[in-house]
Amino acid sequence: MSQRREKLVLTYLCKVCANKKAHLISPYQIAKDLNPKLVLTVSEIDEIMARLSLENYLDFVASEGKNGYYYCVTLKNKGKTFLADQKKQKKAMAMLILRSIFLATVSFVFGLILKIVFKS
């Protein structure tokens, strides 16, 4: 199973379950609300939920009721801070790229200056 799918499901759950102690949600609802190009089966969602629970992002209980199959999802601290952590990670990556571009530019200019100085 890909990490991309896990990340999409976790992002969705973080948005839906924000500021709630527990949230009741159907795997069909998760599959429907995710990216329309991404097709997830109930068994795939079960595997993703189990993996996210093992990685300490959330707790969930799967139950079969008269209205269908549902998860009772509770986000743990790691799950509650997931979206903020993703923003920090993207910002850090952008800063790393900008710093690399700046250093490459300075190095190139410095090389040109040295070439001009020693050519004379």
PDB file of N, CA and C in Angstrom:
ATOM      1  N   MET A   1       0.849  -1.185   0.000  1.00  0.00           N
ATOM      2  CA  MET A   1       0.000   0.000   0.000  1.00  0.00           C
ATOM      3  C   MET A   1       0.888   1.240   0.000  1.00  0.00           C
ATOM      4  N   SER A   2       0.492   2.234  -0.725  1.00  0.00           N
ATOM      5  CA  SER A   2       1.334   3.413  -0.869  1.00  0.00           C
ATOM      6  C   SER A   2       1.144   4.388   0.290  1.00  0.00           C
ATOM      7  N   GLN A   3       2.206   5.115   0.562  1.00  0.00           N
ATOM      8  CA  GLN A   3       2.147   6.143   1.595  1.00  0.00           C
ATOM      9  C   GLN A   3       1.249   7.290   1.162  1.00  0.00           C
ATOM     10  N   ARG A   4       1.143   7.483  -0.128  1.00  0.00           N
ATOM     11  CA  ARG A   4       0.295   8.567  -0.650  1.00  0.00           C
ATOM     12  C   ARG A   4      -1.155   8.347  -0.222  1.00  0.00           C
ATOM     13  N   ARG A   5      -1.616   7.116  -0.325  1.00  0.00           N
ATOM     14  CA  ARG A   5      -2.989   6.810   0.065  1.00  0.00           C
ATOM     15  C   ARG A   5      -3.183   7.008   1.569  1.00  0.00           C
ATOM     16  N   GLU A   6      -2.196   6.567   2.343  1.00  0.00           N
ATOM     17  CA  GLU A   6      -2.264   6.753   3.794  1.00  0.00           C
ATOM     18  C   GLU A   6      -2.329   8.233   4.142  1.00  0.00           C
ATOM     19  N   LYS A   7      -1.486   9.016   3.479  1.00  0.00           N
ATOM     20  CA  LYS A   7      -1.438  10.447   3.750  1.00  0.00           C
ATOM     21  C   LYS A   7      -2.761  11.119   3.378  1.00  0.00           C
ATOM     22  N   LEU A   8      -3.360  10.708   2.258  1.00  0.00           N
ATOM     23  CA  LEU A   8      -4.643  11.274   1.846  1.00  0.00           C
ATOM     24  C   LEU A   8      -5.744  10.944   2.850  1.00  0.00           C
ATOM     25  N   VAL A   9      -5.779   9.685   3.290  1.00  0.00           N
ATOM     26  CA  VAL A   9      -6.804   9.281   4.260  1.00  0.00           C
ATOM     27  C   VAL A   9      -6.592  10.016   5.586  1.00  0.00           C
ATOM     28  N   LEU A  10      -5.340  10.094   6.044  1.00  0.00           N
ATOM     29  CA  LEU A  10      -5.061  10.777   7.300  1.00  0.00           C
ATOM     30  C   LEU A  10      -5.390  12.265   7.215  1.00  0.00           C
ATOM     31  N   THR A  11      -5.051  12.898   6.111  1.00  0.00           N
ATOM     32  CA  THR A  11      -5.379  14.311   5.922  1.00  0.00           C
ATOM     33  C   THR A  11      -6.889  14.513   5.970  1.00  0.00           C
ATOM     34  N   TYR A  12      -7.612  13.651   5.289  1.00  0.00           N
ATOM     35  CA  TYR A  12      -9.079  13.734   5.293  1.00  0.00           C
ATOM     36  C   TYR A  12      -9.627  13.569   6.709  1.00  0.00           C
ATOM     37  N   LEU A  13      -9.127  12.561   7.426  1.00  0.00           N
ATOM     38  CA  LEU A  13      -9.612  12.317   8.784  1.00  0.00           C
ATOM     39  C   LEU A  13      -9.267  13.467   9.726  1.00  0.00           C
ATOM     40  N   CYS A  14      -8.086  14.068   9.540  1.00  0.00           N
ATOM     41  CA  CYS A  14      -7.702  15.208  10.378  1.00  0.00           C
ATOM     42  C   CYS A  14      -8.640  16.382  10.165  1.00  0.00           C
ATOM     43  N   LYS A  15      -9.075  16.588   8.934  1.00  0.00           N
ATOM     44  CA  LYS A  15      -9.996  17.689   8.642  1.00  0.00           C
ATOM     45  C   LYS A  15     -11.395  17.398   9.179  1.00  0.00           C
ATOM     46  N   VAL A  16     -11.846  16.169   9.018  1.00  0.00           N
ATOM     47  CA  VAL A  16     -13.197  15.798   9.436  1.00  0.00           C
ATOM     48  C   VAL A  16     -13.310  15.683  10.956  1.00  0.00           C
ATOM     49  N   CYS A  17     -12.289  15.137  11.582  1.00  0.00           N
ATOM     50  CA  CYS A  17     -12.339  14.862  13.021  1.00  0.00           C
ATOM     51  C   CYS A  17     -11.756  15.983  13.872  1.00  0.00           C
ATOM     52  N   ALA A  18     -11.409  17.095  13.281  1.00  0.00           N
ATOM     53  CA  ALA A  18     -10.805  18.196  14.032  1.00  0.00           C
ATOM     54  C   ALA A  18     -11.761  18.679  15.122  1.00  0.00           C
ATOM     55  N   ASN A  19     -11.203  18.937  16.297  1.00  0.00           N
ATOM     56  CA  ASN A  19     -11.947  19.465  17.446  1.00  0.00           C
ATOM     57  C   ASN A  19     -13.062  18.534  17.933  1.00  0.00           C
ATOM     58  N   LYS A  20     -12.942  17.251  17.672  1.00  0.00           N
ATOM     59  CA  LYS A  20     -13.928  16.282  18.162  1.00  0.00           C
ATOM     60  C   LYS A  20     -13.192  15.191  18.927  1.00  0.00           C
ATOM     61  N   LYS A  21     -13.822  14.708  19.974  1.00  0.00           N
ATOM     62  CA  LYS A  21     -13.205  13.612  20.721  1.00  0.00           C
ATOM     63  C   LYS A  21     -13.281  12.328  19.915  1.00  0.00           C
ATOM     64  N   ALA A  22     -14.432  12.053  19.351  1.00  0.00           N
ATOM     65  CA  ALA A  22     -14.618  10.858  18.530  1.00  0.00           C
ATOM     66  C   ALA A  22     -15.558  11.215  17.381  1.00  0.00           C
ATOM     67  N   HIS A  23     -15.341  10.551  16.269  1.00  0.00           N
ATOM     68  CA  HIS A  23     -16.158  10.832  15.084  1.00  0.00           C
ATOM     69  C   HIS A  23     -16.564   9.515  14.446  1.00  0.00           C
ATOM     70  N   LEU A  24     -17.810   9.391  14.098  1.00  0.00           N
ATOM     71  CA  LEU A  24     -18.331   8.198  13.460  1.00  0.00           C
ATOM     72  C   LEU A  24     -18.348   8.433  11.955  1.00  0.00           C
ATOM     73  N   ILE A  25     -17.655   7.571  11.224  1.00  0.00           N
ATOM     74  CA  ILE A  25     -17.570   7.757   9.769  1.00  0.00           C
ATOM     75  C   ILE A  25     -17.555   6.409   9.066  1.00  0.00           C
ATOM     76  N   SER A  26     -18.143   6.383   7.916  1.00  0.00           N
ATOM     77  CA  SER A  26     -18.222   5.170   7.107  1.00  0.00           C
ATOM     78  C   SER A  26     -17.029   5.094   6.158  1.00  0.00           C
ATOM     79  N   PRO A  27     -16.495   3.894   5.897  1.00  0.00           N
ATOM     80  CA  PRO A  27     -15.413   3.784   4.908  1.00  0.00           C
ATOM     81  C   PRO A  27     -15.876   4.194   3.511  1.00  0.00           C
ATOM     82  N   TYR A  28     -17.157   4.032   3.246  1.00  0.00           N
ATOM     83  CA  TYR A  28     -17.706   4.460   1.960  1.00  0.00           C
ATOM     84  C   TYR A  28     -17.663   5.979   1.838  1.00  0.00           C
ATOM     85  N   GLN A  29     -17.894   6.665   2.961  1.00  0.00           N
ATOM     86  CA  GLN A  29     -17.816   8.129   2.979  1.00  0.00           C
ATOM     87  C   GLN A  29     -16.381   8.587   2.736  1.00  0.00           C
ATOM     88  N   ILE A  30     -15.423   7.891   3.352  1.00  0.00           N
ATOM     89  CA  ILE A  30     -14.008   8.219   3.156  1.00  0.00           C
ATOM     90  C   ILE A  30     -13.640   8.060   1.686  1.00  0.00           C
ATOM     91  N   ALA A  31     -14.013   6.918   1.106  1.00  0.00           N
ATOM     92  CA  ALA A  31     -13.683   6.645  -0.298  1.00  0.00           C
ATOM     93  C   ALA A  31     -14.344   7.653  -1.227  1.00  0.00           C
ATOM     94  N   LYS A  32     -15.570   8.053  -0.919  1.00  0.00           N
ATOM     95  CA  LYS A  32     -16.300   8.990  -1.772  1.00  0.00           C
ATOM     96  C   LYS A  32     -15.699  10.396  -1.704  1.00  0.00           C
ATOM     97  N   ASP A  33     -15.286  10.821  -0.516  1.00  0.00           N
ATOM     98  CA  ASP A  33     -14.808  12.192  -0.335  1.00  0.00           C
ATOM     99  C   ASP A  33     -13.347  12.403  -0.716  1.00  0.00           C
ATOM    100  N   LEU A  34     -12.604  11.321  -0.890  1.00  0.00           N
ATOM    101  CA  LEU A  34     -11.211  11.463  -1.317  1.00  0.00           C
ATOM    102  C   LEU A  34     -11.155  11.781  -2.799  1.00  0.00           C
ATOM    103  N   ASN A  35      -9.957  11.938  -3.295  1.00  0.00           N
ATOM    104  CA  ASN A  35      -9.713  12.238  -4.698  1.00  0.00           C
ATOM    105  C   ASN A  35     -10.529  11.289  -5.586  1.00  0.00           C
ATOM    106  N   PRO A  36     -11.345  11.814  -6.495  1.00  0.00           N
ATOM    107  CA  PRO A  36     -12.172  10.945  -7.347  1.00  0.00           C
ATOM    108  C   PRO A  36     -11.364   9.991  -8.228  1.00  0.00           C
ATOM    109  N   LYS A  37     -10.123  10.340  -8.541  1.00  0.00           N
ATOM    110  CA  LYS A  37      -9.287   9.464  -9.360  1.00  0.00           C
ATOM    111  C   LYS A  37      -8.757   8.283  -8.556  1.00  0.00           C
ATOM    112  N   LEU A  38      -8.777   8.412  -7.232  1.00  0.00           N
ATOM    113  CA  LEU A  38      -8.253   7.379  -6.352  1.00  0.00           C
ATOM    114  C   LEU A  38      -9.397   6.480  -5.915  1.00  0.00           C
ATOM    115  N   VAL A  39      -9.342   5.216  -6.299  1.00  0.00           N
ATOM    116  CA  VAL A  39     -10.384   4.275  -5.942  1.00  0.00           C
ATOM    117  C   VAL A  39      -9.874   3.412  -4.790  1.00  0.00           C
ATOM    118  N   LEU A  40     -10.584   3.474  -3.670  1.00  0.00           N
ATOM    119  CA  LEU A  40     -10.223   2.685  -2.498  1.00  0.00           C
ATOM    120  C   LEU A  40     -11.358   1.734  -2.156  1.00  0.00           C
ATOM    121  N   THR A  41     -11.007   0.497  -1.866  1.00  0.00           N
ATOM    122  CA  THR A  41     -11.998  -0.468  -1.418  1.00  0.00           C
ATOM    123  C   THR A  41     -12.060  -0.436   0.105  1.00  0.00           C
ATOM    124  N   VAL A  42     -13.083  -1.053   0.647  1.00  0.00           N
ATOM    125  CA  VAL A  42     -13.241  -1.091   2.101  1.00  0.00           C
ATOM    126  C   VAL A  42     -12.076  -1.834   2.742  1.00  0.00           C
ATOM    127  N   SER A  43     -11.614  -2.896   2.112  1.00  0.00           N
ATOM    128  CA  SER A  43     -10.485  -3.654   2.683  1.00  0.00           C
ATOM    129  C   SER A  43      -9.201  -2.819   2.672  1.00  0.00           C
ATOM    130  N   GLU A  44      -8.999  -2.012   1.626  1.00  0.00           N
ATOM    131  CA  GLU A  44      -7.831  -1.124   1.593  1.00  0.00           C
ATOM    132  C   GLU A  44      -7.919  -0.067   2.690  1.00  0.00           C
ATOM    133  N   ILE A  45      -9.107   0.473   2.876  1.00  0.00           N
ATOM    134  CA  ILE A  45      -9.293   1.476   3.925  1.00  0.00           C
ATOM    135  C   ILE A  45      -9.080   0.837   5.293  1.00  0.00           C
ATOM    136  N   ASP A  46      -9.540  -0.413   5.466  1.00  0.00           N
ATOM    137  CA  ASP A  46      -9.293  -1.129   6.724  1.00  0.00           C
ATOM    138  C   ASP A  46      -7.797  -1.265   6.997  1.00  0.00           C
ATOM    139  N   GLU A  47      -7.027  -1.634   5.963  1.00  0.00           N
ATOM    140  CA  GLU A  47      -5.577  -1.774   6.105  1.00  0.00           C
ATOM    141  C   GLU A  47      -4.926  -0.430   6.436  1.00  0.00           C
ATOM    142  N   ILE A  48      -5.349   0.619   5.767  1.00  0.00           N
ATOM    143  CA  ILE A  48      -4.797   1.950   6.019  1.00  0.00           C
ATOM    144  C   ILE A  48      -5.110   2.385   7.442  1.00  0.00           C
ATOM    145  N   MET A  49      -6.342   2.174   7.878  1.00  0.00           N
ATOM    146  CA  MET A  49      -6.727   2.548   9.237  1.00  0.00           C
ATOM    147  C   MET A  49      -5.907   1.776  10.268  1.00  0.00           C
ATOM    148  N   ALA A  50      -5.683   0.491  10.028  1.00  0.00           N
ATOM    149  CA  ALA A  50      -4.885  -0.317  10.954  1.00  0.00           C
ATOM    150  C   ALA A  50      -3.449   0.194  11.002  1.00  0.00           C
ATOM    151  N   ARG A  51      -2.891   0.540   9.846  1.00  0.00           N
ATOM    152  CA  ARG A  51      -1.522   1.058   9.800  1.00  0.00           C
ATOM    153  C   ARG A  51      -1.403   2.408  10.505  1.00  0.00           C
ATOM    154  N   LEU A  52      -2.381   3.271  10.297  1.00  0.00           N
ATOM    155  CA  LEU A  52      -2.375   4.577  10.961  1.00  0.00           C
ATOM    156  C   LEU A  52      -2.513   4.419  12.473  1.00  0.00           C
ATOM    157  N   SER A  53      -3.259   3.423  12.880  1.00  0.00           N
ATOM    158  CA  SER A  53      -3.389   3.151  14.309  1.00  0.00           C
ATOM    159  C   SER A  53      -2.068   2.628  14.884  1.00  0.00           C
ATOM    160  N   LEU A  54      -1.397   1.766  14.137  1.00  0.00           N
ATOM    161  CA  LEU A  54      -0.091   1.247  14.574  1.00  0.00           C
ATOM    162  C   LEU A  54       0.964   2.348  14.636  1.00  0.00           C
ATOM    163  N   GLU A  55       0.862   3.329  13.732  1.00  0.00           N
ATOM    164  CA  GLU A  55       1.806   4.445  13.699  1.00  0.00           C
ATOM    165  C   GLU A  55       1.443   5.530  14.703  1.00  0.00           C
ATOM    166  N   ASN A  56       0.426   5.271  15.524  1.00  0.00           N
ATOM    167  CA  ASN A  56       0.049   6.142  16.635  1.00  0.00           C
ATOM    168  C   ASN A  56      -0.574   7.471  16.196  1.00  0.00           C
ATOM    169  N   TYR A  57      -1.259   7.467  15.055  1.00  0.00           N
ATOM    170  CA  TYR A  57      -1.954   8.667  14.595  1.00  0.00           C
ATOM    171  C   TYR A  57      -3.386   8.716  15.125  1.00  0.00           C
ATOM    172  N   LEU A  58      -4.011   7.546  15.257  1.00  0.00           N
ATOM    173  CA  LEU A  58      -5.410   7.511  15.655  1.00  0.00           C
ATOM    174  C   LEU A  58      -5.760   6.193  16.318  1.00  0.00           C
ATOM    175  N   ASP A  59      -6.895   6.214  16.994  1.00  0.00           N
ATOM    176  CA  ASP A  59      -7.522   4.995  17.495  1.00  0.00           C
ATOM    177  C   ASP A  59      -8.827   4.857  16.749  1.00  0.00           C
ATOM    178  N   PHE A  60      -9.193   3.636  16.417  1.00  0.00           N
ATOM    179  CA  PHE A  60     -10.485   3.448  15.765  1.00  0.00           C
ATOM    180  C   PHE A  60     -11.067   2.096  16.152  1.00  0.00           C
ATOM    181  N   VAL A  61     -12.371   2.048  16.101  1.00  0.00           N
ATOM    182  CA  VAL A  61     -13.101   0.807  16.333  1.00  0.00           C
ATOM    183  C   VAL A  61     -14.032   0.638  15.140  1.00  0.00           C
ATOM    184  N   ALA A  62     -13.938  -0.503  14.498  1.00  0.00           N
ATOM    185  CA  ALA A  62     -14.821  -0.791  13.370  1.00  0.00           C
ATOM    186  C   ALA A  62     -16.032  -1.546  13.903  1.00  0.00           C
ATOM    187  N   SER A  63     -17.205  -1.139  13.460  1.00  0.00           N
ATOM    188  CA  SER A  63     -18.410  -1.819  13.930  1.00  0.00           C
ATOM    189  C   SER A  63     -19.425  -1.926  12.803  1.00  0.00           C
ATOM    190  N   GLU A  64     -20.166  -2.986  12.875  1.00  0.00           N
ATOM    191  CA  GLU A  64     -21.220  -3.246  11.901  1.00  0.00           C
ATOM    192  C   GLU A  64     -22.541  -2.927  12.590  1.00  0.00           C
ATOM    193  N   GLY A  65     -23.238  -1.940  12.073  1.00  0.00           N
ATOM    194  CA  GLY A  65     -24.519  -1.549  12.658  1.00  0.00           C
ATOM    195  C   GLY A  65     -25.648  -1.800  11.682  1.00  0.00           C
ATOM    196  N   LYS A  66     -26.848  -1.440  12.095  1.00  0.00           N
ATOM    197  CA  LYS A  66     -27.985  -1.657  11.200  1.00  0.00           C
ATOM    198  C   LYS A  66     -27.944  -0.729   9.990  1.00  0.00           C
ATOM    199  N   ASN A  67     -27.194   0.378  10.106  1.00  0.00           N
ATOM    200  CA  ASN A  67     -27.060   1.308   8.981  1.00  0.00           C
ATOM    201  C   ASN A  67     -25.817   1.052   8.147  1.00  0.00           C
ATOM    202  N   GLY A  68     -25.037   0.023   8.468  1.00  0.00           N
ATOM    203  CA  GLY A  68     -23.854  -0.306   7.685  1.00  0.00           C
ATOM    204  C   GLY A  68     -22.601  -0.395   8.533  1.00  0.00           C
ATOM    205  N   TYR A  69     -21.482  -0.317   7.866  1.00  0.00           N
ATOM    206  CA  TYR A  69     -20.157  -0.488   8.449  1.00  0.00           C
ATOM    207  C   TYR A  69     -19.577   0.885   8.771  1.00  0.00           C
ATOM    208  N   TYR A  70     -19.152   1.088  10.023  1.00  0.00           N
ATOM    209  CA  TYR A  70     -18.642   2.388  10.455  1.00  0.00           C
ATOM    210  C   TYR A  70     -17.370   2.255  11.268  1.00  0.00           C
ATOM    211  N   TYR A  71     -16.611   3.347  11.285  1.00  0.00           N
ATOM    212  CA  TYR A  71     -15.462   3.488  12.175  1.00  0.00           C
ATOM    213  C   TYR A  71     -15.793   4.566  13.196  1.00  0.00           C
ATOM    214  N   CYS A  72     -15.407   4.316  14.426  1.00  0.00           N
ATOM    215  CA  CYS A  72     -15.434   5.356  15.442  1.00  0.00           C
ATOM    216  C   CYS A  72     -13.978   5.785  15.600  1.00  0.00           C
ATOM    217  N   VAL A  73     -13.648   6.975  15.098  1.00  0.00           N
ATOM    218  CA  VAL A  73     -12.254   7.432  15.003  1.00  0.00           C
ATOM    219  C   VAL A  73     -11.973   8.489  16.064  1.00  0.00           C
ATOM    220  N   THR A  74     -10.858   8.307  16.771  1.00  0.00           N
ATOM    221  CA  THR A  74     -10.370   9.294  17.720  1.00  0.00           C
ATOM    222  C   THR A  74      -8.924   9.598  17.358  1.00  0.00           C
ATOM    223  N   LEU A  75      -8.628  10.866  17.093  1.00  0.00           N
ATOM    224  CA  LEU A  75      -7.263  11.265  16.752  1.00  0.00           C
ATOM    225  C   LEU A  75      -6.402  11.313  18.004  1.00  0.00           C
ATOM    226  N   LYS A  76      -5.196  10.794  17.912  1.00  0.00           N
ATOM    227  CA  LYS A  76      -4.220  10.923  18.984  1.00  0.00           C
ATOM    228  C   LYS A  76      -3.454  12.224  18.759  1.00  0.00           C
ATOM    229  N   ASN A  77      -2.564  12.576  19.672  1.00  0.00           N
ATOM    230  CA  ASN A  77      -1.814  13.836  19.554  1.00  0.00           C
ATOM    231  C   ASN A  77      -1.049  13.925  18.239  1.00  0.00           C
ATOM    232  N   LYS A  78      -0.424  12.825  17.844  1.00  0.00           N
ATOM    233  CA  LYS A  78       0.332  12.808  16.584  1.00  0.00           C
ATOM    234  C   LYS A  78      -0.595  13.071  15.394  1.00  0.00           C
ATOM    235  N   GLY A  79      -1.803  12.569  15.456  1.00  0.00           N
ATOM    236  CA  GLY A  79      -2.784  12.795  14.400  1.00  0.00           C
ATOM    237  C   GLY A  79      -3.318  14.219  14.406  1.00  0.00           C
ATOM    238  N   LYS A  80      -3.486  14.779  15.611  1.00  0.00           N
ATOM    239  CA  LYS A  80      -3.996  16.146  15.717  1.00  0.00           C
ATOM    240  C   LYS A  80      -3.004  17.163  15.171  1.00  0.00           C
ATOM    241  N   THR A  81      -1.727  16.876  15.280  1.00  0.00           N
ATOM    242  CA  THR A  81      -0.705  17.813  14.804  1.00  0.00           C
ATOM    243  C   THR A  81      -0.205  17.483  13.396  1.00  0.00           C
ATOM    244  N   PHE A  82      -0.780  16.493  12.751  1.00  0.00           N
ATOM    245  CA  PHE A  82      -0.309  16.044  11.439  1.00  0.00           C
ATOM    246  C   PHE A  82      -0.334  17.157  10.394  1.00  0.00           C
ATOM    247  N   LEU A  83      -1.435  17.896  10.296  1.00  0.00           N
ATOM    248  CA  LEU A  83      -1.545  18.941   9.272  1.00  0.00           C
ATOM    249  C   LEU A  83      -0.538  20.059   9.515  1.00  0.00           C
ATOM    250  N   ALA A  84      -0.363  20.454  10.767  1.00  0.00           N
ATOM    251  CA  ALA A  84       0.621  21.497  11.092  1.00  0.00           C
ATOM    252  C   ALA A  84       2.032  21.001  10.798  1.00  0.00           C
ATOM    253  N   ASP A  85       2.307  19.743  11.103  1.00  0.00           N
ATOM    254  CA  ASP A  85       3.624  19.173  10.818  1.00  0.00           C
ATOM    255  C   ASP A  85       3.898  19.129   9.322  1.00  0.00           C
ATOM    256  N   GLN A  86       2.872  18.835   8.533  1.00  0.00           N
ATOM    257  CA  GLN A  86       3.031  18.814   7.079  1.00  0.00           C
ATOM    258  C   GLN A  86       3.358  20.207   6.549  1.00  0.00           C
ATOM    259  N   LYS A  87       2.696  21.241   7.092  1.00  0.00           N
ATOM    260  CA  LYS A  87       2.980  22.610   6.671  1.00  0.00           C
ATOM    261  C   LYS A  87       4.415  22.999   7.014  1.00  0.00           C
ATOM    262  N   LYS A  88       4.854  22.636   8.217  1.00  0.00           N
ATOM    263  CA  LYS A  88       6.227  22.937   8.631  1.00  0.00           C
ATOM    264  C   LYS A  88       7.223  22.232   7.727  1.00  0.00           C
ATOM    265  N   GLN A  89       6.926  20.980   7.377  1.00  0.00           N
ATOM    266  CA  GLN A  89       7.828  20.210   6.529  1.00  0.00           C
ATOM    267  C   GLN A  89       7.919  20.825   5.127  1.00  0.00           C
ATOM    268  N   LYS A  90       6.801  21.272   4.576  1.00  0.00           N
ATOM    269  CA  LYS A  90       6.807  21.911   3.258  1.00  0.00           C
ATOM    270  C   LYS A  90       7.574  23.224   3.295  1.00  0.00           C
ATOM    271  N   LYS A  91       7.381  23.990   4.366  1.00  0.00           N
ATOM    272  CA  LYS A  91       8.080  25.260   4.506  1.00  0.00           C
ATOM    273  C   LYS A  91       9.582  25.037   4.617  1.00  0.00           C
ATOM    274  N   ALA A  92       9.989  24.038   5.394  1.00  0.00           N
ATOM    275  CA  ALA A  92      11.415  23.726   5.550  1.00  0.00           C
ATOM    276  C   ALA A  92      12.016  23.286   4.218  1.00  0.00           C
ATOM    277  N   MET A  93      11.285  22.509   3.438  1.00  0.00           N
ATOM    278  CA  MET A  93      11.764  22.057   2.132  1.00  0.00           C
ATOM    279  C   MET A  93      11.912  23.245   1.181  1.00  0.00           C
ATOM    280  N   ALA A  94      10.958  24.152   1.196  1.00  0.00           N
ATOM    281  CA  ALA A  94      11.027  25.332   0.341  1.00  0.00           C
ATOM    282  C   ALA A  94      12.235  26.198   0.722  1.00  0.00           C
ATOM    283  N   MET A  95      12.473  26.356   2.009  1.00  0.00           N
ATOM    284  CA  MET A  95      13.621  27.142   2.463  1.00  0.00           C
ATOM    285  C   MET A  95      14.930  26.473   2.054  1.00  0.00           C
ATOM    286  N   LEU A  96      14.990  25.160   2.111  1.00  0.00           N
ATOM    287  CA  LEU A  96      16.184  24.432   1.692  1.00  0.00           C
ATOM    288  C   LEU A  96      16.454  24.631   0.203  1.00  0.00           C
ATOM    289  N   ILE A  97      15.415  24.584  -0.600  1.00  0.00           N
ATOM    290  CA  ILE A  97      15.563  24.794  -2.046  1.00  0.00           C
ATOM    291  C   ILE A  97      16.020  26.219  -2.334  1.00  0.00           C
ATOM    292  N   LEU A  98      15.383  27.191  -1.676  1.00  0.00           N
ATOM    293  CA  LEU A  98      15.775  28.588  -1.888  1.00  0.00           C
ATOM    294  C   LEU A  98      17.215  28.835  -1.461  1.00  0.00           C
ATOM    295  N   ARG A  99      17.620  28.267  -0.343  1.00  0.00           N
ATOM    296  CA  ARG A  99      18.994  28.434   0.127  1.00  0.00           C
ATOM    297  C   ARG A  99      19.979  27.811  -0.857  1.00  0.00           C
ATOM    298  N   SER A 100      19.629  26.653  -1.385  1.00  0.00           N
ATOM    299  CA  SER A 100      20.503  25.994  -2.362  1.00  0.00           C
ATOM    300  C   SER A 100      20.644  26.825  -3.627  1.00  0.00           C
ATOM    301  N   ILE A 101      19.534  27.385  -4.100  1.00  0.00           N
ATOM    302  CA  ILE A 101      19.577  28.234  -5.295  1.00  0.00           C
ATOM    303  C   ILE A 101      20.432  29.473  -5.022  1.00  0.00           C
ATOM    304  N   PHE A 102      20.252  30.089  -3.861  1.00  0.00           N
ATOM    305  CA  PHE A 102      21.032  31.268  -3.506  1.00  0.00           C
ATOM    306  C   PHE A 102      22.523  30.947  -3.454  1.00  0.00           C
ATOM    307  N   LEU A 103      22.890  29.850  -2.811  1.00  0.00           N
ATOM    308  CA  LEU A 103      24.303  29.477  -2.709  1.00  0.00           C
ATOM    309  C   LEU A 103      24.900  29.140  -4.074  1.00  0.00           C
ATOM    310  N   ALA A 104      24.120  28.489  -4.928  1.00  0.00           N
ATOM    311  CA  ALA A 104      24.606  28.184  -6.273  1.00  0.00           C
ATOM    312  C   ALA A 104      24.838  29.470  -7.064  1.00  0.00           C
ATOM    313  N   THR A 105      23.932  30.423  -6.932  1.00  0.00           N
ATOM    314  CA  THR A 105      24.077  31.708  -7.629  1.00  0.00           C
ATOM    315  C   THR A 105      25.297  32.469  -7.130  1.00  0.00           C
ATOM    316  N   VAL A 106      25.472  32.537  -5.810  1.00  0.00           N
ATOM    317  CA  VAL A 106      26.630  33.223  -5.233  1.00  0.00           C
ATOM    318  C   VAL A 106      27.921  32.546  -5.678  1.00  0.00           C
ATOM    319  N   SER A 107      27.930  31.229  -5.683  1.00  0.00           N
ATOM    320  CA  SER A 107      29.118  30.482  -6.116  1.00  0.00           C
ATOM    321  C   SER A 107      29.442  30.769  -7.579  1.00  0.00           C
ATOM    322  N   PHE A 108      28.422  30.821  -8.431  1.00  0.00           N
ATOM    323  CA  PHE A 108      28.620  31.103  -9.848  1.00  0.00           C
ATOM    324  C   PHE A 108      29.193  32.507 -10.045  1.00  0.00           C
ATOM    325  N   VAL A 109      28.603  33.495  -9.363  1.00  0.00           N
ATOM    326  CA  VAL A 109      29.072  34.880  -9.475  1.00  0.00           C
ATOM    327  C   VAL A 109      30.506  34.985  -8.964  1.00  0.00           C
ATOM    328  N   PHE A 110      30.801  34.366  -7.846  1.00  0.00           N
ATOM    329  CA  PHE A 110      32.150  34.388  -7.285  1.00  0.00           C
ATOM    330  C   PHE A 110      33.140  33.752  -8.261  1.00  0.00           C
ATOM    331  N   GLY A 111      32.739  32.672  -8.902  1.00  0.00           N
ATOM    332  CA  GLY A 111      33.588  32.029  -9.914  1.00  0.00           C
ATOM    333  C   GLY A 111      33.863  32.943 -11.082  1.00  0.00           C
ATOM    334  N   LEU A 112      32.840  33.657 -11.554  1.00  0.00           N
ATOM    335  CA  LEU A 112      33.028  34.615 -12.650  1.00  0.00           C
ATOM    336  C   LEU A 112      33.984  35.722 -12.246  1.00  0.00           C
ATOM    337  N   ILE A 113      33.848  36.244 -11.030  1.00  0.00           N
ATOM    338  CA  ILE A 113      34.740  37.305 -10.545  1.00  0.00           C
ATOM    339  C   ILE A 113      36.180  36.801 -10.489  1.00  0.00           C
ATOM    340  N   LEU A 114      36.362  35.602  -9.980  1.00  0.00           N
ATOM    341  CA  LEU A 114      37.728  35.041  -9.919  1.00  0.00           C
ATOM    342  C   LEU A 114      38.315  34.847 -11.304  1.00  0.00           C
ATOM    343  N   LYS A 115      37.480  34.414 -12.241  1.00  0.00           N
ATOM    344  CA  LYS A 115      37.945  34.195 -13.619  1.00  0.00           C
ATOM    345  C   LYS A 115      38.399  35.517 -14.239  1.00  0.00           C
ATOM    346  N   ILE A 116      37.606  36.585 -14.011  1.00  0.00           N
ATOM    347  CA  ILE A 116      37.956  37.901 -14.543  1.00  0.00           C
ATOM    348  C   ILE A 116      39.241  38.429 -13.908  1.00  0.00           C
ATOM    349  N   VAL A 117      39.374  38.274 -12.580  1.00  0.00           N
ATOM    350  CA  VAL A 117      40.552  38.780 -11.859  1.00  0.00           C
ATOM    351  C   VAL A 117      41.817  38.064 -12.306  1.00  0.00           C
ATOM    352  N   PHE A 118      41.789  36.759 -12.429  1.00  0.00           N
ATOM    353  CA  PHE A 118      42.998  36.029 -12.771  1.00  0.00           C
ATOM    354  C   PHE A 118      43.283  35.951 -14.273  1.00  0.00           C
ATOM    355  N   LYS A 119      42.344  36.373 -15.085  1.00  0.00           N
ATOM    356  CA  LYS A 119      42.543  36.381 -16.523  1.00  0.00           C
ATOM    357  C   LYS A 119      43.444  37.546 -16.923  1.00  0.00           C
ATOM    358  N   SER A 120      43.402  38.659 -16.200  1.00  0.00           N
ATOM    359  CA  SER A 120      44.185  39.848 -16.553  1.00  0.00           C
ATOM    360  C   SER A 120      45.624  39.695 -16.318  1.00  0.00           C
TER     361      SER A 120
END
